[in-house]
Amino acid sequence: MPLITNAIKANQRCIVRAIARNPTRSLLSTQSNHSQSQPQPPHKKPLLSATPLSPKARPPKQHSELTKKIVFSIAKLFGYNSDTSTAIRTTSDYYDRCAEWEEGHGEFLKTANLPPTFNTWFHLTNLHIWLLTVRFRALPEPLARLYIQELINHFFIDIESRIRHKFKITQERTVRGYMMAYLDMWRGSGVAYDEGLVRGDAVLAAAFWRNIYSGRGVKEEIDSGDMELSPSGRAVREEEGVHGEAMEVAIPIHLNSLVHYTRSELHRLDHLDDDHIRRGIDNKTTEFGSPVDPSPSK
C-alpha cells in the first residue's frame, strides 16, 4: 500500500513539473492520455457540444380541414360568433369612442362655453350615440335593432356606474331617480334630433340648444340638488355686462358648428358599407371629428 501511494505522489510531481515547463501542451497531453485510458462509446454524444444561441421557432402546426370545421362548429354552438355576441363586442368599442370623445376636444368645450359637468358629458356622448343609431337603422333586421339595443345598454350601464362610483351615491332610490331623469332626456333628445334630421338645420340647431345648452342664456338661477350631477344642467354664470352679452351672441355660432359637424359625421357614416359598420374595427368607423374644425372632405 505505501508503494502505491508513493507512486501516485511521484506521478503527481511529474505532472506539476510538466505543467510548469509548458502549461498548455502538458494539459492537452494529459487530457489526451486520460481520454485514451477511458474511451467513450462511439454512439454517445460529448458532454459539451455547440448549440445555437437562439433555437429556431417551431413551424406552425397545420390543422386539417376537419379539425377547423369541428372548432368553428363548437364556437358557433357556444354563441361566440353569433350576431348577439358580435354586436356586444362591436358596440362596446363604438361606445368607448362616444364616451371618450370630449377628452380630445377640451378646446371645443371651452370655446363653446359648455360647463364641465356630468350633464354636458351626457349630452355630448348621447349626440354621438344618436349618430351611430341613425346609421344602425340602415342595417338589415334584426341586426339594426340588435346593434341599437346593445349600444344603448352600454350607455346606461356606464351612466349608473359613474353615478355610483364617481359621485359616491349609494341610496338606490336616488340612483333610480337620476337614471329615470336621464332616460327621459335620452328619449326626448332622440325625438328632437330625428325631427331636426328630417325638417332641416334650424330645427336641429334648436334641438341642440334645448338639450346640449339646456336652453341657457347668460343669467341663470341655481337649480336645487347637486350642481355637477343635476340633469337640468343649469349653473350660475358669473359673466355679466358686455362679456356676458358676447357669450350669448356666440351661442348661435357654436350651434351652427354643431349642426355642420353632425351633418358631416352622418355623411361619413352613410358612405361606409354595412359589413364595415358591423365589424366596427376600423378607425374610419370609430373615430369622430371635431365641431371646431369640420373637415371639408367629409
C-alpha atoms as a PDB file:
ATOM      1  CA  MET A   1       0.000   0.000   0.000  1.00  0.00           C
ATOM      2  CA  PRO A   2       2.779   2.547   0.782  1.00  0.00           C
ATOM      3  CA  LEU A   3       4.402   1.688  -2.530  1.00  0.00           C
ATOM      4  CA  ILE A   4       1.198   2.570  -4.464  1.00  0.00           C
ATOM      5  CA  THR A   5       0.831   5.807  -2.532  1.00  0.00           C
ATOM      6  CA  ASN A   6       4.417   6.818  -3.201  1.00  0.00           C
ATOM      7  CA  ALA A   7       3.967   6.025  -6.912  1.00  0.00           C
ATOM      8  CA  ILE A   8       0.872   8.250  -7.141  1.00  0.00           C
ATOM      9  CA  LYS A   9       2.666  11.096  -5.394  1.00  0.00           C
ATOM     10  CA  ALA A  10       5.635  10.753  -7.741  1.00  0.00           C
ATOM     11  CA  ASN A  11       3.338  10.797 -10.761  1.00  0.00           C
ATOM     12  CA  GLN A  12       1.628  13.966  -9.493  1.00  0.00           C
ATOM     13  CA  ARG A  13       5.017  15.661  -9.026  1.00  0.00           C
ATOM     14  CA  CYS A  14       5.903  14.844 -12.626  1.00  0.00           C
ATOM     15  CA  ILE A  15       2.652  16.325 -13.899  1.00  0.00           C
ATOM     16  CA  VAL A  16       3.237  19.552 -11.898  1.00  0.00           C
ATOM     17  CA  ARG A  17       6.793  19.908 -13.322  1.00  0.00           C
ATOM     18  CA  ALA A  18       5.487  19.344 -16.868  1.00  0.00           C
ATOM     19  CA  ILE A  19       2.749  21.979 -16.461  1.00  0.00           C
ATOM     20  CA  ALA A  20       5.302  24.448 -15.095  1.00  0.00           C
ATOM     21  CA  ARG A  21       7.506  23.984 -18.195  1.00  0.00           C
ATOM     22  CA  ASN A  22       4.683  24.106 -20.825  1.00  0.00           C
ATOM     23  CA  PRO A  23       1.205  24.569 -19.292  1.00  0.00           C
ATOM     24  CA  THR A  24      -0.867  24.366 -22.471  1.00  0.00           C
ATOM     25  CA  ARG A  25       0.871  21.430 -24.108  1.00  0.00           C
ATOM     26  CA  SER A  26       1.121  19.464 -20.929  1.00  0.00           C
ATOM     27  CA  LEU A  27      -2.536  19.938 -20.076  1.00  0.00           C
ATOM     28  CA  LEU A  28      -3.665  18.858 -23.514  1.00  0.00           C
ATOM     29  CA  SER A  29      -1.421  15.814 -23.482  1.00  0.00           C
ATOM     30  CA  THR A  30      -2.654  14.906 -20.013  1.00  0.00           C
ATOM     31  CA  GLN A  31      -6.266  15.175 -21.104  1.00  0.00           C
ATOM     32  CA  SER A  32      -5.480  13.166 -24.211  1.00  0.00           C
ATOM     33  CA  ASN A  33      -3.902  10.426 -22.177  1.00  0.00           C
ATOM     34  CA  HIS A  34      -6.805  10.436 -19.782  1.00  0.00           C
ATOM     35  CA  SER A  35      -9.313  10.180 -22.625  1.00  0.00           C
ATOM     36  CA  GLN A  36      -7.359   7.356 -24.184  1.00  0.00           C
ATOM     37  CA  SER A  37      -7.370   5.495 -20.917  1.00  0.00           C
ATOM     38  CA  GLN A  38     -11.144   5.818 -20.699  1.00  0.00           C
ATOM     39  CA  PRO A  39     -12.533   5.709 -24.254  1.00  0.00           C
ATOM     40  CA  GLN A  40     -16.123   6.852 -24.813  1.00  0.00           C
ATOM     41  CA  PRO A  41     -18.597   4.768 -26.756  1.00  0.00           C
ATOM     42  CA  PRO A  42     -18.805   5.981 -30.358  1.00  0.00           C
ATOM     43  CA  HIS A  43     -22.578   6.480 -30.177  1.00  0.00           C
ATOM     44  CA  LYS A  44     -22.511   8.662 -27.057  1.00  0.00           C
ATOM     45  CA  LYS A  45     -22.646  12.462 -27.545  1.00  0.00           C
ATOM     46  CA  PRO A  46     -19.964  14.627 -25.891  1.00  0.00           C
ATOM     47  CA  LEU A  47     -20.924  16.454 -22.725  1.00  0.00           C
ATOM     48  CA  LEU A  48     -20.210  19.835 -24.304  1.00  0.00           C
ATOM     49  CA  SER A  49     -21.334  20.431 -27.852  1.00  0.00           C
ATOM     50  CA  ALA A  50     -22.011  23.517 -29.963  1.00  0.00           C
ATOM     51  CA  THR A  51     -25.594  24.766 -29.684  1.00  0.00           C
ATOM     52  CA  PRO A  52     -27.282  27.723 -31.416  1.00  0.00           C
ATOM     53  CA  LEU A  53     -27.713  30.852 -29.307  1.00  0.00           C
ATOM     54  CA  SER A  54     -31.377  31.127 -30.228  1.00  0.00           C
ATOM     55  CA  PRO A  55     -33.100  27.931 -31.321  1.00  0.00           C
ATOM     56  CA  LYS A  56     -35.402  28.224 -34.271  1.00  0.00           C
ATOM     57  CA  ALA A  57     -39.089  28.602 -33.603  1.00  0.00           C
ATOM     58  CA  ARG A  58     -41.237  25.614 -34.188  1.00  0.00           C
ATOM     59  CA  PRO A  59     -43.001  25.666 -37.514  1.00  0.00           C
ATOM     60  CA  PRO A  60     -46.712  26.461 -37.205  1.00  0.00           C
ATOM     61  CA  LYS A  61     -48.790  23.400 -36.780  1.00  0.00           C
ATOM     62  CA  GLN A  62     -51.065  22.722 -39.689  1.00  0.00           C
ATOM     63  CA  HIS A  63     -54.585  21.683 -38.786  1.00  0.00           C
ATOM     64  CA  SER A  64     -56.716  19.632 -41.061  1.00  0.00           C
ATOM     65  CA  GLU A  65     -59.894  20.991 -42.564  1.00  0.00           C
ATOM     66  CA  LEU A  66     -61.890  18.558 -40.432  1.00  0.00           C
ATOM     67  CA  THR A  67     -60.332  19.969 -37.239  1.00  0.00           C
ATOM     68  CA  LYS A  68     -61.130  23.516 -38.320  1.00  0.00           C
ATOM     69  CA  LYS A  69     -64.729  22.637 -39.029  1.00  0.00           C
ATOM     70  CA  ILE A  70     -65.080  20.990 -35.626  1.00  0.00           C
ATOM     71  CA  VAL A  71     -63.594  24.002 -33.777  1.00  0.00           C
ATOM     72  CA  PHE A  72     -65.742  26.508 -35.664  1.00  0.00           C
ATOM     73  CA  SER A  73     -68.818  24.406 -35.028  1.00  0.00           C
ATOM     74  CA  ILE A  74     -68.111  24.311 -31.286  1.00  0.00           C
ATOM     75  CA  ALA A  75     -67.556  28.094 -31.206  1.00  0.00           C
ATOM     76  CA  LYS A  76     -70.823  28.636 -33.029  1.00  0.00           C
ATOM     77  CA  LEU A  77     -72.569  26.232 -30.667  1.00  0.00           C
ATOM     78  CA  PHE A  78     -71.448  28.319 -27.678  1.00  0.00           C
ATOM     79  CA  GLY A  79     -72.518  31.519 -29.419  1.00  0.00           C
ATOM     80  CA  TYR A  80     -69.082  33.120 -29.847  1.00  0.00           C
ATOM     81  CA  ASN A  81     -69.654  34.157 -33.449  1.00  0.00           C
ATOM     82  CA  SER A  82     -73.381  34.729 -33.140  1.00  0.00           C
ATOM     83  CA  ASP A  83     -74.936  38.051 -34.136  1.00  0.00           C
ATOM     84  CA  THR A  84     -75.616  38.874 -30.485  1.00  0.00           C
ATOM     85  CA  SER A  85     -72.054  38.306 -29.251  1.00  0.00           C
ATOM     86  CA  THR A  86     -70.619  40.161 -32.244  1.00  0.00           C
ATOM     87  CA  ALA A  87     -72.966  43.093 -31.639  1.00  0.00           C
ATOM     88  CA  ILE A  88     -71.963  43.259 -27.959  1.00  0.00           C
ATOM     89  CA  ARG A  89     -68.242  43.334 -28.772  1.00  0.00           C
ATOM     90  CA  THR A  90     -68.575  45.798 -31.617  1.00  0.00           C
ATOM     91  CA  THR A  91     -70.879  48.249 -29.849  1.00  0.00           C
ATOM     92  CA  SER A  92     -68.597  48.187 -26.797  1.00  0.00           C
ATOM     93  CA  ASP A  93     -65.824  49.658 -28.943  1.00  0.00           C
ATOM     94  CA  TYR A  94     -68.260  52.114 -30.515  1.00  0.00           C
ATOM     95  CA  TYR A  95     -69.443  53.250 -27.094  1.00  0.00           C
ATOM     96  CA  ASP A  96     -65.895  53.783 -25.798  1.00  0.00           C
ATOM     97  CA  ARG A  97     -65.274  56.225 -28.641  1.00  0.00           C
ATOM     98  CA  CYS A  98     -68.536  58.045 -27.892  1.00  0.00           C
ATOM     99  CA  ALA A  99     -67.901  58.333 -24.151  1.00  0.00           C
ATOM    100  CA  GLU A 100     -64.272  59.432 -24.528  1.00  0.00           C
ATOM    101  CA  TRP A 101     -64.904  61.962 -27.280  1.00  0.00           C
ATOM    102  CA  GLU A 102     -64.733  65.034 -25.009  1.00  0.00           C
ATOM    103  CA  GLU A 103     -61.265  64.082 -23.712  1.00  0.00           C
ATOM    104  CA  GLY A 104     -59.675  65.061 -27.007  1.00  0.00           C
ATOM    105  CA  HIS A 105     -61.897  68.078 -27.588  1.00  0.00           C
ATOM    106  CA  GLY A 106     -61.478  70.131 -24.432  1.00  0.00           C
ATOM    107  CA  GLU A 107     -60.879  73.222 -26.549  1.00  0.00           C
ATOM    108  CA  PHE A 108     -64.342  72.867 -28.046  1.00  0.00           C
ATOM    109  CA  LEU A 109     -65.942  72.742 -24.576  1.00  0.00           C
ATOM    110  CA  LYS A 110     -64.045  75.869 -23.571  1.00  0.00           C
ATOM    111  CA  THR A 111     -64.772  77.765 -26.779  1.00  0.00           C
ATOM    112  CA  ALA A 112     -68.432  76.747 -26.815  1.00  0.00           C
ATOM    113  CA  ASN A 113     -68.856  77.886 -23.163  1.00  0.00           C
ATOM    114  CA  LEU A 114     -70.145  74.490 -22.055  1.00  0.00           C
ATOM    115  CA  PRO A 115     -69.708  73.778 -18.325  1.00  0.00           C
ATOM    116  CA  PRO A 116     -67.562  70.719 -17.484  1.00  0.00           C
ATOM    117  CA  THR A 117     -70.436  68.907 -15.799  1.00  0.00           C
ATOM    118  CA  PHE A 118     -71.849  65.413 -15.943  1.00  0.00           C
ATOM    119  CA  ASN A 119     -74.809  66.833 -17.845  1.00  0.00           C
ATOM    120  CA  THR A 120     -72.509  68.124 -20.602  1.00  0.00           C
ATOM    121  CA  TRP A 121     -70.785  64.736 -20.819  1.00  0.00           C
ATOM    122  CA  PHE A 122     -74.163  63.003 -21.052  1.00  0.00           C
ATOM    123  CA  HIS A 123     -75.445  65.156 -23.917  1.00  0.00           C
ATOM    124  CA  LEU A 124     -72.235  65.056 -25.973  1.00  0.00           C
ATOM    125  CA  THR A 125     -71.998  61.287 -25.523  1.00  0.00           C
ATOM    126  CA  ASN A 126     -75.673  60.965 -26.369  1.00  0.00           C
ATOM    127  CA  LEU A 127     -75.181  63.003 -29.546  1.00  0.00           C
ATOM    128  CA  HIS A 128     -72.549  60.584 -30.827  1.00  0.00           C
ATOM    129  CA  ILE A 129     -74.647  57.593 -29.841  1.00  0.00           C
ATOM    130  CA  TRP A 130     -77.524  59.090 -31.826  1.00  0.00           C
ATOM    131  CA  LEU A 131     -75.192  59.470 -34.849  1.00  0.00           C
ATOM    132  CA  LEU A 132     -74.404  55.757 -34.718  1.00  0.00           C
ATOM    133  CA  THR A 133     -78.047  54.897 -34.086  1.00  0.00           C
ATOM    134  CA  VAL A 134     -79.068  56.640 -37.300  1.00  0.00           C
ATOM    135  CA  ARG A 135     -76.552  54.513 -39.214  1.00  0.00           C
ATOM    136  CA  PHE A 136     -77.525  51.302 -37.425  1.00  0.00           C
ATOM    137  CA  ARG A 137     -81.130  51.762 -38.554  1.00  0.00           C
ATOM    138  CA  ALA A 138     -79.990  51.123 -42.121  1.00  0.00           C
ATOM    139  CA  LEU A 139     -78.711  47.638 -41.230  1.00  0.00           C
ATOM    140  CA  PRO A 140     -80.941  44.718 -42.166  1.00  0.00           C
ATOM    141  CA  GLU A 141     -83.225  43.374 -39.457  1.00  0.00           C
ATOM    142  CA  PRO A 142     -82.773  42.008 -36.865  1.00  0.00           C
ATOM    143  CA  LEU A 143     -79.214  43.416 -36.839  1.00  0.00           C
ATOM    144  CA  ALA A 144     -80.427  47.018 -36.743  1.00  0.00           C
ATOM    145  CA  ARG A 145     -82.475  46.553 -33.600  1.00  0.00           C
ATOM    146  CA  LEU A 146     -79.765  44.380 -32.023  1.00  0.00           C
ATOM    147  CA  TYR A 147     -76.922  46.865 -32.551  1.00  0.00           C
ATOM    148  CA  ILE A 148     -79.007  49.809 -31.335  1.00  0.00           C
ATOM    149  CA  GLN A 149     -80.106  47.945 -28.207  1.00  0.00           C
ATOM    150  CA  GLU A 150     -76.588  46.848 -27.271  1.00  0.00           C
ATOM    151  CA  LEU A 151     -75.193  50.355 -27.785  1.00  0.00           C
ATOM    152  CA  ILE A 152     -77.863  51.856 -25.503  1.00  0.00           C
ATOM    153  CA  ASN A 153     -77.199  49.125 -22.939  1.00  0.00           C
ATOM    154  CA  HIS A 154     -73.530  50.141 -22.749  1.00  0.00           C
ATOM    155  CA  PHE A 155     -74.576  53.776 -22.363  1.00  0.00           C
ATOM    156  CA  PHE A 156     -76.891  53.345 -19.400  1.00  0.00           C
ATOM    157  CA  ILE A 157     -74.692  50.782 -17.664  1.00  0.00           C
ATOM    158  CA  ASP A 158     -71.905  53.356 -17.774  1.00  0.00           C
ATOM    159  CA  ILE A 159     -74.208  56.137 -16.541  1.00  0.00           C
ATOM    160  CA  GLU A 160     -75.211  54.115 -13.496  1.00  0.00           C
ATOM    161  CA  SER A 161     -71.595  53.148 -12.812  1.00  0.00           C
ATOM    162  CA  ARG A 162     -70.467  56.785 -12.915  1.00  0.00           C
ATOM    163  CA  ILE A 163     -73.301  57.903 -10.625  1.00  0.00           C
ATOM    164  CA  ARG A 164     -72.432  55.236  -8.059  1.00  0.00           C
ATOM    165  CA  HIS A 165     -68.631  55.448  -8.167  1.00  0.00           C
ATOM    166  CA  LYS A 166     -67.791  58.982  -9.256  1.00  0.00           C
ATOM    167  CA  PHE A 167     -70.412  60.718  -7.122  1.00  0.00           C
ATOM    168  CA  LYS A 168     -70.460  58.110  -4.325  1.00  0.00           C
ATOM    169  CA  ILE A 169     -74.255  57.806  -4.344  1.00  0.00           C
ATOM    170  CA  THR A 170     -75.363  54.620  -2.613  1.00  0.00           C
ATOM    171  CA  GLN A 171     -79.073  55.186  -1.995  1.00  0.00           C
ATOM    172  CA  GLU A 172     -80.985  53.089  -4.503  1.00  0.00           C
ATOM    173  CA  ARG A 173     -83.909  55.498  -4.603  1.00  0.00           C
ATOM    174  CA  THR A 174     -81.631  58.409  -5.523  1.00  0.00           C
ATOM    175  CA  VAL A 175     -79.851  56.374  -8.177  1.00  0.00           C
ATOM    176  CA  ARG A 176     -83.156  55.305  -9.724  1.00  0.00           C
ATOM    177  CA  GLY A 177     -84.320  58.925  -9.751  1.00  0.00           C
ATOM    178  CA  TYR A 178     -81.268  60.052 -11.692  1.00  0.00           C
ATOM    179  CA  MET A 179     -81.495  57.089 -14.055  1.00  0.00           C
ATOM    180  CA  MET A 180     -85.143  57.854 -14.857  1.00  0.00           C
ATOM    181  CA  ALA A 181     -84.283  61.508 -15.467  1.00  0.00           C
ATOM    182  CA  TYR A 182     -81.518  60.638 -17.908  1.00  0.00           C
ATOM    183  CA  LEU A 183     -83.719  58.050 -19.589  1.00  0.00           C
ATOM    184  CA  ASP A 184     -86.336  60.741 -20.226  1.00  0.00           C
ATOM    185  CA  MET A 185     -83.676  63.085 -21.611  1.00  0.00           C
ATOM    186  CA  TRP A 186     -82.382  60.357 -23.895  1.00  0.00           C
ATOM    187  CA  ARG A 187     -85.851  59.738 -25.280  1.00  0.00           C
ATOM    188  CA  GLY A 188     -86.648  63.446 -25.716  1.00  0.00           C
ATOM    189  CA  SER A 189     -83.347  64.325 -27.353  1.00  0.00           C
ATOM    190  CA  GLY A 190     -83.610  61.369 -29.741  1.00  0.00           C
ATOM    191  CA  VAL A 191     -87.022  62.517 -30.959  1.00  0.00           C
ATOM    192  CA  ALA A 192     -85.788  66.116 -31.265  1.00  0.00           C
ATOM    193  CA  TYR A 193     -82.702  65.149 -33.246  1.00  0.00           C
ATOM    194  CA  ASP A 194     -84.731  62.908 -35.548  1.00  0.00           C
ATOM    195  CA  GLU A 195     -87.081  65.799 -36.216  1.00  0.00           C
ATOM    196  CA  GLY A 196     -84.161  68.091 -36.977  1.00  0.00           C
ATOM    197  CA  LEU A 197     -82.661  65.487 -39.293  1.00  0.00           C
ATOM    198  CA  VAL A 198     -85.847  65.500 -41.371  1.00  0.00           C
ATOM    199  CA  ARG A 199     -87.023  69.106 -41.111  1.00  0.00           C
ATOM    200  CA  GLY A 200     -83.740  70.941 -41.540  1.00  0.00           C
ATOM    201  CA  ASP A 201     -80.793  72.617 -39.864  1.00  0.00           C
ATOM    202  CA  ALA A 202     -82.794  75.273 -37.997  1.00  0.00           C
ATOM    203  CA  VAL A 203     -84.848  72.615 -36.198  1.00  0.00           C
ATOM    204  CA  LEU A 204     -81.712  70.587 -35.482  1.00  0.00           C
ATOM    205  CA  ALA A 205     -79.948  73.663 -34.055  1.00  0.00           C
ATOM    206  CA  ALA A 206     -82.952  74.347 -31.820  1.00  0.00           C
ATOM    207  CA  ALA A 207     -82.777  70.767 -30.544  1.00  0.00           C
ATOM    208  CA  PHE A 208     -79.103  71.224 -29.699  1.00  0.00           C
ATOM    209  CA  TRP A 209     -79.867  74.461 -27.873  1.00  0.00           C
ATOM    210  CA  ARG A 210     -82.597  72.846 -25.769  1.00  0.00           C
ATOM    211  CA  ASN A 211     -80.549  69.752 -24.938  1.00  0.00           C
ATOM    212  CA  ILE A 212     -76.802  70.387 -25.068  1.00  0.00           C
ATOM    213  CA  TYR A 213     -77.130  74.007 -23.925  1.00  0.00           C
ATOM    214  CA  SER A 214     -80.221  73.280 -21.766  1.00  0.00           C
ATOM    215  CA  GLY A 215     -81.883  76.374 -23.223  1.00  0.00           C
ATOM    216  CA  ARG A 216     -79.460  78.529 -21.267  1.00  0.00           C
ATOM    217  CA  GLY A 217     -78.544  82.151 -21.586  1.00  0.00           C
ATOM    218  CA  VAL A 218     -76.065  84.177 -19.569  1.00  0.00           C
ATOM    219  CA  LYS A 219     -78.027  84.928 -16.396  1.00  0.00           C
ATOM    220  CA  GLU A 220     -79.435  81.845 -14.741  1.00  0.00           C
ATOM    221  CA  GLU A 221     -80.651  80.706 -11.380  1.00  0.00           C
ATOM    222  CA  ILE A 222     -79.266  77.923  -9.259  1.00  0.00           C
ATOM    223  CA  ASP A 223     -81.065  74.624  -9.585  1.00  0.00           C
ATOM    224  CA  SER A 224     -81.749  72.573  -6.487  1.00  0.00           C
ATOM    225  CA  GLY A 225     -79.653  69.469  -5.917  1.00  0.00           C
ATOM    226  CA  ASP A 226     -76.149  68.534  -6.955  1.00  0.00           C
ATOM    227  CA  MET A 227     -74.776  71.086  -9.433  1.00  0.00           C
ATOM    228  CA  GLU A 228     -72.368  68.628 -11.034  1.00  0.00           C
ATOM    229  CA  LEU A 229     -74.919  65.857 -11.445  1.00  0.00           C
ATOM    230  CA  SER A 230     -78.095  67.881 -11.940  1.00  0.00           C
ATOM    231  CA  PRO A 231     -79.899  66.550 -15.042  1.00  0.00           C
ATOM    232  CA  SER A 232     -81.128  70.075 -15.843  1.00  0.00           C
ATOM    233  CA  GLY A 233     -77.542  71.131 -16.429  1.00  0.00           C
ATOM    234  CA  ARG A 234     -78.166  74.607 -15.070  1.00  0.00           C
ATOM    235  CA  ALA A 235     -75.334  76.524 -13.463  1.00  0.00           C
ATOM    236  CA  VAL A 236     -74.703  80.088 -12.348  1.00  0.00           C
ATOM    237  CA  ARG A 237     -72.740  82.201 -14.795  1.00  0.00           C
ATOM    238  CA  GLU A 238     -70.751  84.997 -13.254  1.00  0.00           C
ATOM    239  CA  GLU A 239     -70.135  86.773 -16.551  1.00  0.00           C
ATOM    240  CA  GLU A 240     -72.244  89.885 -16.835  1.00  0.00           C
ATOM    241  CA  GLY A 241     -72.267  93.003 -18.981  1.00  0.00           C
ATOM    242  CA  VAL A 242     -70.555  93.166 -22.341  1.00  0.00           C
ATOM    243  CA  HIS A 243     -68.687  89.900 -21.927  1.00  0.00           C
ATOM    244  CA  GLY A 244     -71.859  88.082 -20.973  1.00  0.00           C
ATOM    245  CA  GLU A 245     -73.742  89.510 -23.946  1.00  0.00           C
ATOM    246  CA  ALA A 246     -70.912  88.430 -26.237  1.00  0.00           C
ATOM    247  CA  MET A 247     -71.274  84.900 -24.914  1.00  0.00           C
ATOM    248  CA  GLU A 248     -74.970  84.905 -25.753  1.00  0.00           C
ATOM    249  CA  VAL A 249     -74.280  86.192 -29.253  1.00  0.00           C
ATOM    250  CA  ALA A 250     -71.695  83.403 -29.772  1.00  0.00           C
ATOM    251  CA  ILE A 251     -74.119  80.599 -28.891  1.00  0.00           C
ATOM    252  CA  PRO A 252     -75.741  80.527 -32.394  1.00  0.00           C
ATOM    253  CA  ILE A 253     -72.251  80.281 -33.897  1.00  0.00           C
ATOM    254  CA  HIS A 254     -71.492  77.223 -31.770  1.00  0.00           C
ATOM    255  CA  LEU A 255     -74.868  75.718 -32.656  1.00  0.00           C
ATOM    256  CA  ASN A 256     -74.103  76.178 -36.344  1.00  0.00           C
ATOM    257  CA  SER A 257     -70.769  74.425 -35.828  1.00  0.00           C
ATOM    258  CA  LEU A 258     -72.553  71.505 -34.130  1.00  0.00           C
ATOM    259  CA  VAL A 259     -75.068  71.241 -36.964  1.00  0.00           C
ATOM    260  CA  HIS A 260     -72.314  71.228 -39.584  1.00  0.00           C
ATOM    261  CA  TYR A 261     -70.387  68.631 -37.599  1.00  0.00           C
ATOM    262  CA  THR A 262     -73.468  66.415 -37.238  1.00  0.00           C
ATOM    263  CA  ARG A 263     -74.273  66.510 -40.945  1.00  0.00           C
ATOM    264  CA  SER A 264     -70.637  65.740 -41.805  1.00  0.00           C
ATOM    265  CA  GLU A 265     -70.483  62.713 -39.490  1.00  0.00           C
ATOM    266  CA  LEU A 266     -73.792  61.366 -40.789  1.00  0.00           C
ATOM    267  CA  HIS A 267     -72.490  61.743 -44.340  1.00  0.00           C
ATOM    268  CA  ARG A 268     -69.272  59.888 -43.430  1.00  0.00           C
ATOM    269  CA  LEU A 269     -71.107  57.018 -41.725  1.00  0.00           C
ATOM    270  CA  ASP A 270     -73.587  56.770 -44.587  1.00  0.00           C
ATOM    271  CA  HIS A 271     -70.758  56.082 -47.051  1.00  0.00           C
ATOM    272  CA  LEU A 272     -69.479  53.075 -45.091  1.00  0.00           C
ATOM    273  CA  ASP A 273     -70.883  49.743 -46.201  1.00  0.00           C
ATOM    274  CA  ASP A 274     -72.909  47.554 -43.834  1.00  0.00           C
ATOM    275  CA  ASP A 275     -70.151  44.980 -43.426  1.00  0.00           C
ATOM    276  CA  HIS A 276     -67.755  47.724 -42.351  1.00  0.00           C
ATOM    277  CA  ILE A 277     -70.272  49.032 -39.819  1.00  0.00           C
ATOM    278  CA  ARG A 278     -70.910  45.552 -38.427  1.00  0.00           C
ATOM    279  CA  ARG A 279     -67.194  44.884 -37.891  1.00  0.00           C
ATOM    280  CA  GLY A 280     -66.536  48.266 -36.323  1.00  0.00           C
ATOM    281  CA  ILE A 281     -62.775  47.662 -36.202  1.00  0.00           C
ATOM    282  CA  ASP A 282     -61.573  50.460 -38.465  1.00  0.00           C
ATOM    283  CA  ASN A 283     -60.707  53.954 -37.293  1.00  0.00           C
ATOM    284  CA  LYS A 284     -62.781  55.344 -40.151  1.00  0.00           C
ATOM    285  CA  THR A 285     -65.806  53.971 -38.348  1.00  0.00           C
ATOM    286  CA  THR A 286     -64.996  54.632 -34.723  1.00  0.00           C
ATOM    287  CA  GLU A 287     -63.068  57.903 -34.849  1.00  0.00           C
ATOM    288  CA  PHE A 288     -65.137  61.079 -34.723  1.00  0.00           C
ATOM    289  CA  GLY A 289     -64.077  64.503 -35.929  1.00  0.00           C
ATOM    290  CA  SER A 290     -64.442  67.829 -34.145  1.00  0.00           C
ATOM    291  CA  PRO A 291     -67.151  70.517 -34.341  1.00  0.00           C
ATOM    292  CA  VAL A 292     -64.448  73.172 -34.081  1.00  0.00           C
ATOM    293  CA  ASP A 293     -62.829  72.421 -37.428  1.00  0.00           C
ATOM    294  CA  PRO A 294     -65.051  70.161 -39.573  1.00  0.00           C
ATOM    295  CA  SER A 295     -63.124  68.537 -42.375  1.00  0.00           C
ATOM    296  CA  PRO A 296     -64.268  69.679 -45.874  1.00  0.00           C
ATOM    297  CA  SER A 297     -63.630  66.155 -47.168  1.00  0.00           C
ATOM    298  CA  LYS A 298     -66.463  64.824 -45.053  1.00  0.00           C
END
